[in-house]
Amino acid sequence: MIHSDVIRGHIDTIILKLLMEKDMYGYEIANEIKDRTKNKFNIKEATLYSVVGRLETRELIVSYTGEKTHGGKRRYYRVTSLGKAYYKEMIEEWKLLREIMRDMLGSDVE
């Protein structure tokens, strides 16, 4: 399991990536992260809703109420065009970070 401090700066990018694939509601996002990381990272509910709130405030995502399902309506999130552009910037930043880490740590990270 990865320590949350290590991944904190990349949670926005992870959530934007998922929402670029399809609109999702909070629990679905959390489960998708858990599944794709093979349980190496589990996002806490409070963290998830803090992040989506921040992304929404920055207009990187928008939310809407979906159709009623088993027990109620769900709040879905969709990435905006601004969010897609921000995601691309973050991927370029990640590539640069990866390059820096390889330059600094060499074979220790291969």
Foldseek 3Di string as FASTA:
>chain_A
DDDCVVCVVPPLLLQLVVQVVHKDFQVVSQVVVCVVVVNPDGDDSVRSVVSVVVCVVVVQKHWDWDDADVPGITIIIHGDPVVVVVSVVVVVVVVVVVVVCCVVVPPVVD
